C-alpha atoms as a PDB file:
ATOM      1  CA  MET A   1     -57.629 -28.856 -47.049  1.00  0.00           C
ATOM      2  CA  ASP A   2     -54.140 -30.031 -47.909  1.00  0.00           C
ATOM      3  CA  ARG A   3     -51.956 -29.314 -50.923  1.00  0.00           C
ATOM      4  CA  HIS A   4     -53.230 -32.276 -52.945  1.00  0.00           C
ATOM      5  CA  ASP A   5     -56.873 -31.292 -52.427  1.00  0.00           C
ATOM      6  CA  ALA A   6     -56.079 -27.747 -53.562  1.00  0.00           C
ATOM      7  CA  ILE A   7     -54.322 -29.037 -56.698  1.00  0.00           C
ATOM      8  CA  ASP A   8     -57.267 -31.315 -57.485  1.00  0.00           C
ATOM      9  CA  ARG A   9     -59.690 -28.403 -57.086  1.00  0.00           C
ATOM     10  CA  PHE A  10     -57.553 -26.246 -59.361  1.00  0.00           C
ATOM     11  CA  HIS A  11     -57.377 -28.893 -62.103  1.00  0.00           C
ATOM     12  CA  ALA A  12     -61.118 -29.409 -61.824  1.00  0.00           C
ATOM     13  CA  GLY A  13     -61.612 -25.729 -62.663  1.00  0.00           C
ATOM     14  CA  ASP A  14     -62.526 -24.579 -59.146  1.00  0.00           C
ATOM     15  CA  GLU A  15     -61.614 -20.901 -58.872  1.00  0.00           C
ATOM     16  CA  ARG A  16     -62.568 -20.416 -55.194  1.00  0.00           C
ATOM     17  CA  PHE A  17     -59.063 -20.062 -53.813  1.00  0.00           C
ATOM     18  CA  ALA A  18     -59.893 -17.051 -51.658  1.00  0.00           C
ATOM     19  CA  GLU A  19     -61.330 -19.365 -49.018  1.00  0.00           C
ATOM     20  CA  LEU A  20     -58.058 -21.311 -48.980  1.00  0.00           C
ATOM     21  CA  ILE A  21     -56.163 -18.122 -48.325  1.00  0.00           C
ATOM     22  CA  ASP A  22     -58.593 -17.084 -45.600  1.00  0.00           C
ATOM     23  CA  THR A  23     -58.155 -20.354 -43.709  1.00  0.00           C
ATOM     24  CA  SER A  24     -54.390 -20.687 -44.071  1.00  0.00           C
ATOM     25  CA  GLN A  25     -51.910 -19.683 -41.377  1.00  0.00           C
ATOM     26  CA  PRO A  26     -49.835 -16.556 -42.029  1.00  0.00           C
ATOM     27  CA  ALA A  27     -46.323 -17.318 -43.217  1.00  0.00           C
ATOM     28  CA  GLU A  28     -43.462 -16.465 -40.876  1.00  0.00           C
ATOM     29  CA  LEU A  29     -41.130 -14.316 -42.975  1.00  0.00           C
ATOM     30  CA  PRO A  30     -37.615 -13.403 -41.850  1.00  0.00           C
ATOM     31  CA  THR A  31     -37.145  -9.876 -40.552  1.00  0.00           C
ATOM     32  CA  PRO A  32     -34.818  -7.845 -42.797  1.00  0.00           C
ATOM     33  CA  ASP A  33     -31.587  -6.765 -41.083  1.00  0.00           C
ATOM     34  CA  THR A  34     -31.861  -3.254 -42.518  1.00  0.00           C
ATOM     35  CA  ASP A  35     -34.433  -0.636 -43.517  1.00  0.00           C
ATOM     36  CA  VAL A  36     -32.342   0.352 -46.544  1.00  0.00           C
ATOM     37  CA  PRO A  37     -33.480  -1.092 -49.887  1.00  0.00           C
ATOM     38  CA  MET A  38     -31.003  -3.727 -51.052  1.00  0.00           C
ATOM     39  CA  VAL A  39     -29.876  -5.133 -54.403  1.00  0.00           C
ATOM     40  CA  SER A  40     -29.234  -8.847 -54.635  1.00  0.00           C
ATOM     41  CA  ARG A  41     -26.090  -9.928 -56.499  1.00  0.00           C
ATOM     42  CA  SER A  42     -24.593 -13.348 -57.001  1.00  0.00           C
ATOM     43  CA  VAL A  43     -20.935 -13.879 -56.085  1.00  0.00           C
ATOM     44  CA  ARG A  44     -18.992 -17.001 -56.991  1.00  0.00           C
ATOM     45  CA  LEU A  45     -16.511 -18.071 -54.333  1.00  0.00           C
ATOM     46  CA  PRO A  46     -14.309 -21.119 -53.977  1.00  0.00           C
ATOM     47  CA  VAL A  47     -15.745 -23.497 -51.360  1.00  0.00           C
ATOM     48  CA  GLU A  48     -12.770 -22.926 -49.031  1.00  0.00           C
ATOM     49  CA  THR A  49     -13.226 -19.157 -49.197  1.00  0.00           C
ATOM     50  CA  TYR A  50     -16.940 -19.420 -48.532  1.00  0.00           C
ATOM     51  CA  GLU A  51     -16.349 -21.712 -45.552  1.00  0.00           C
ATOM     52  CA  ARG A  52     -13.865 -19.210 -44.093  1.00  0.00           C
ATOM     53  CA  VAL A  53     -16.355 -16.370 -44.554  1.00  0.00           C
ATOM     54  CA  ARG A  54     -19.134 -18.477 -43.024  1.00  0.00           C
ATOM     55  CA  ALA A  55     -16.952 -19.319 -40.016  1.00  0.00           C
ATOM     56  CA  ALA A  56     -15.981 -15.660 -39.555  1.00  0.00           C
ATOM     57  CA  ALA A  57     -19.638 -14.606 -39.697  1.00  0.00           C
ATOM     58  CA  GLU A  58     -20.651 -17.337 -37.258  1.00  0.00           C
ATOM     59  CA  ALA A  59     -17.899 -16.276 -34.830  1.00  0.00           C
ATOM     60  CA  ARG A  60     -19.308 -12.727 -34.918  1.00  0.00           C
ATOM     61  CA  GLY A  61     -22.889 -13.910 -34.537  1.00  0.00           C
ATOM     62  CA  ILE A  62     -24.021 -12.385 -37.838  1.00  0.00           C
ATOM     63  CA  GLY A  63     -25.061 -13.697 -41.239  1.00  0.00           C
ATOM     64  CA  VAL A  64     -22.672 -14.287 -44.122  1.00  0.00           C
ATOM     65  CA  THR A  65     -24.353 -11.617 -46.247  1.00  0.00           C
ATOM     66  CA  THR A  66     -24.117  -9.060 -43.440  1.00  0.00           C
ATOM     67  CA  LEU A  67     -20.392  -9.749 -42.979  1.00  0.00           C
ATOM     68  CA  MET A  68     -19.717  -9.536 -46.708  1.00  0.00           C
ATOM     69  CA  ARG A  69     -21.615  -6.236 -46.846  1.00  0.00           C
ATOM     70  CA  GLN A  70     -19.520  -4.888 -43.941  1.00  0.00           C
ATOM     71  CA  TRP A  71     -16.297  -5.924 -45.672  1.00  0.00           C
ATOM     72  CA  ILE A  72     -17.362  -4.324 -48.952  1.00  0.00           C
ATOM     73  CA  GLU A  73     -18.314  -1.097 -47.176  1.00  0.00           C
ATOM     74  CA  ALA A  74     -14.944  -1.074 -45.345  1.00  0.00           C
ATOM     75  CA  GLY A  75     -13.127  -1.645 -48.641  1.00  0.00           C
ATOM     76  CA  LEU A  76     -15.026   1.194 -50.280  1.00  0.00           C
ATOM     77  CA  ALA A  77     -14.204   3.448 -47.322  1.00  0.00           C
ATOM     78  CA  ASP A  78     -10.519   2.744 -48.059  1.00  0.00           C
ATOM     79  CA  LEU A  79     -11.048   4.168 -51.531  1.00  0.00           C
ATOM     80  CA  ASP A  80     -12.763   7.318 -50.272  1.00  0.00           C
ATOM     81  CA  ASP A  81     -10.365  10.216 -50.897  1.00  0.00           C
ATOM     82  CA  SER A  82     -12.768  12.755 -49.412  1.00  0.00           C
ATOM     83  CA  ALA A  83     -12.219  11.499 -45.857  1.00  0.00           C
ATOM     84  CA  THR A  84     -10.083  13.662 -43.599  1.00  0.00           C
ATOM     85  CA  VAL A  85      -7.757  10.700 -43.120  1.00  0.00           C
ATOM     86  CA  SER A  86      -8.174   7.672 -45.336  1.00  0.00           C
ATOM     87  CA  LEU A  87      -8.701   4.342 -43.654  1.00  0.00           C
ATOM     88  CA  ALA A  88      -5.773   2.916 -45.629  1.00  0.00           C
ATOM     89  CA  ASP A  89      -3.465   5.575 -44.135  1.00  0.00           C
ATOM     90  CA  VAL A  90      -4.719   4.781 -40.637  1.00  0.00           C
ATOM     91  CA  ARG A  91      -4.077   1.073 -41.177  1.00  0.00           C
ATOM     92  CA  ARG A  92      -0.557   1.735 -42.493  1.00  0.00           C
ATOM     93  CA  ALA A  93       0.192   3.963 -39.491  1.00  0.00           C
ATOM     94  CA  LEU A  94      -1.063   1.329 -37.048  1.00  0.00           C
ATOM     95  CA  ALA A  95       0.968  -1.367 -38.791  1.00  0.00           C
ATOM     96  CA  ALA A  96       4.090   0.822 -38.537  1.00  0.00           C
ATOM     97  CA  LEU A  97       3.455   1.332 -34.805  1.00  0.00           C
ATOM     98  CA  ALA A  98       2.956  -2.387 -34.255  1.00  0.00           C
ATOM     99  CA  HIS A  99       6.184  -3.259 -36.114  1.00  0.00           C
ATOM    100  CA  PRO A 100       8.614  -0.294 -35.820  1.00  0.00           C
ATOM    101  CA  THR A 101      11.813  -0.503 -37.829  1.00  0.00           C
ATOM    102  CA  ALA A 102      15.118  -0.505 -35.974  1.00  0.00           C
ATOM    103  CA  ALA A 103      16.620   2.999 -35.868  1.00  0.00           C
END
């Protein structure tokens, strides 16, 4: 039975949809990339920014959402004052080593 037959049966008052479910193929659902429960939020980005993020994710072989989540977690780690050494301090130290000032 195709979609149109099912719609016709529904409009005719036929309530025997269990047999349709029994004969249908199981849907292939995507596998979640984490076992941690997630919250979905909408973020508005300029098209150019989104395309840059998409390209960066593609270059890493991961999804856009996964990359954005990694960047957010890294940014939050920068704010974490309870760390022994903050990530921001480490980045500043590395930048100073990469570009030492003339003595």
